[in-house]
Amino acid sequence: MGDRSPKSNHKLAAQKQTKTDAVNHAKQRVINAQQATKQAAAAKKR
């Protein structure tokens, strides 16, 4: 009973990809916020 249907495997892979994409977007937002903060601080120093 360990074998899965192709449809089931595709659905599982799609769910994993969606979760990975969501995590990557969240990380990118944090990085962008940090970069914006650094740019604002650098502009303030000028």
N, C-alpha and C. Protein backbone atom coordinates (compact mmCIF):
# COMPACT_ATOMS: atom_id res chain seq x y z
N MET A 1 0.81 -1.21 0.00
CA MET A 1 0.00 0.00 0.00
C MET A 1 0.85 1.26 0.00
N GLY A 2 2.15 1.11 -0.11
CA GLY A 2 3.02 2.27 -0.07
C GLY A 2 3.04 3.07 -1.36
N ASP A 3 2.62 2.44 -2.46
CA ASP A 3 2.64 3.14 -3.75
C ASP A 3 1.52 4.16 -3.80
N ARG A 4 1.80 5.26 -4.43
CA ARG A 4 0.79 6.30 -4.58
C ARG A 4 0.50 6.52 -6.06
N SER A 5 -0.66 7.03 -6.32
CA SER A 5 -1.03 7.31 -7.69
C SER A 5 -0.29 8.54 -8.18
N PRO A 6 -0.10 8.67 -9.49
CA PRO A 6 0.57 9.86 -10.03
C PRO A 6 -0.14 11.16 -9.63
N LYS A 7 -1.46 11.11 -9.59
CA LYS A 7 -2.23 12.31 -9.21
C LYS A 7 -1.92 12.70 -7.78
N SER A 8 -1.85 11.71 -6.90
CA SER A 8 -1.55 11.97 -5.49
C SER A 8 -0.15 12.54 -5.34
N ASN A 9 0.81 11.96 -6.05
CA ASN A 9 2.20 12.44 -5.99
C ASN A 9 2.30 13.87 -6.50
N HIS A 10 1.58 14.18 -7.58
CA HIS A 10 1.61 15.53 -8.14
C HIS A 10 1.02 16.54 -7.17
N LYS A 11 -0.09 16.15 -6.54
CA LYS A 11 -0.74 17.05 -5.57
C LYS A 11 0.19 17.33 -4.40
N LEU A 12 0.83 16.28 -3.88
CA LEU A 12 1.75 16.44 -2.76
C LEU A 12 2.93 17.34 -3.14
N ALA A 13 3.47 17.14 -4.33
CA ALA A 13 4.59 17.96 -4.79
C ALA A 13 4.17 19.42 -4.94
N ALA A 14 2.97 19.63 -5.44
CA ALA A 14 2.47 21.00 -5.61
C ALA A 14 2.29 21.68 -4.26
N GLN A 15 1.81 20.93 -3.27
CA GLN A 15 1.63 21.50 -1.93
C GLN A 15 2.97 21.87 -1.32
N LYS A 16 3.97 21.00 -1.49
CA LYS A 16 5.30 21.29 -0.95
C LYS A 16 5.88 22.53 -1.62
N GLN A 17 5.69 22.65 -2.95
CA GLN A 17 6.23 23.80 -3.69
C GLN A 17 5.56 25.08 -3.23
N THR A 18 4.26 25.04 -3.00
CA THR A 18 3.52 26.22 -2.54
C THR A 18 4.03 26.67 -1.18
N LYS A 19 4.25 25.69 -0.29
CA LYS A 19 4.75 26.02 1.05
C LYS A 19 6.15 26.63 0.95
N THR A 20 7.01 26.04 0.11
CA THR A 20 8.36 26.55 -0.08
C THR A 20 8.33 27.97 -0.64
N ASP A 21 7.45 28.20 -1.62
CA ASP A 21 7.33 29.53 -2.20
C ASP A 21 6.91 30.55 -1.15
N ALA A 22 5.98 30.18 -0.30
CA ALA A 22 5.50 31.10 0.74
C ALA A 22 6.62 31.44 1.70
N VAL A 23 7.42 30.45 2.08
CA VAL A 23 8.54 30.69 2.99
C VAL A 23 9.56 31.60 2.32
N ASN A 24 9.86 31.35 1.05
CA ASN A 24 10.84 32.17 0.33
C ASN A 24 10.36 33.61 0.19
N HIS A 25 9.06 33.80 -0.05
CA HIS A 25 8.53 35.17 -0.15
C HIS A 25 8.66 35.89 1.19
N ALA A 26 8.39 35.19 2.26
CA ALA A 26 8.50 35.80 3.59
C ALA A 26 9.95 36.20 3.87
N LYS A 27 10.89 35.32 3.53
CA LYS A 27 12.31 35.63 3.73
C LYS A 27 12.71 36.84 2.89
N GLN A 28 12.22 36.89 1.66
CA GLN A 28 12.57 38.00 0.77
C GLN A 28 12.03 39.33 1.31
N ARG A 29 10.81 39.28 1.89
CA ARG A 29 10.25 40.51 2.47
C ARG A 29 11.11 41.01 3.62
N VAL A 30 11.61 40.10 4.44
CA VAL A 30 12.47 40.48 5.56
C VAL A 30 13.76 41.10 5.03
N ILE A 31 14.35 40.47 4.02
CA ILE A 31 15.59 40.99 3.44
C ILE A 31 15.37 42.37 2.84
N ASN A 32 14.26 42.54 2.12
CA ASN A 32 13.96 43.84 1.51
C ASN A 32 13.77 44.92 2.58
N ALA A 33 13.11 44.57 3.66
CA ALA A 33 12.90 45.53 4.74
C ALA A 33 14.23 45.93 5.37
N GLN A 34 15.11 44.95 5.56
CA GLN A 34 16.43 45.24 6.13
C GLN A 34 17.24 46.14 5.21
N GLN A 35 17.17 45.86 3.91
CA GLN A 35 17.93 46.67 2.95
C GLN A 35 17.39 48.10 2.91
N ALA A 36 16.07 48.24 2.98
CA ALA A 36 15.48 49.57 2.97
C ALA A 36 15.90 50.35 4.21
N THR A 37 15.95 49.67 5.34
CA THR A 37 16.38 50.32 6.58
C THR A 37 17.83 50.78 6.48
N LYS A 38 18.67 49.91 5.93
CA LYS A 38 20.09 50.27 5.77
C LYS A 38 20.25 51.44 4.82
N GLN A 39 19.48 51.45 3.73
CA GLN A 39 19.56 52.56 2.77
C GLN A 39 19.11 53.86 3.40
N ALA A 40 18.05 53.80 4.19
CA ALA A 40 17.55 55.00 4.86
C ALA A 40 18.57 55.52 5.84
N ALA A 41 19.23 54.62 6.58
CA ALA A 41 20.25 55.05 7.53
C ALA A 41 21.44 55.65 6.81
N ALA A 42 21.81 55.07 5.68
CA ALA A 42 22.95 55.59 4.91
C ALA A 42 22.63 56.96 4.33
N ALA A 43 21.40 57.14 3.88
CA ALA A 43 20.99 58.43 3.32
C ALA A 43 20.95 59.49 4.42
N LYS A 44 20.60 59.08 5.62
CA LYS A 44 20.51 60.02 6.74
C LYS A 44 21.90 60.54 7.11
N LYS A 45 22.89 59.68 6.98
CA LYS A 45 24.26 60.04 7.36
C LYS A 45 24.87 61.07 6.42
N ARG A 46 24.40 61.10 5.20
CA ARG A 46 24.97 62.01 4.19
C ARG A 46 24.72 63.45 4.48
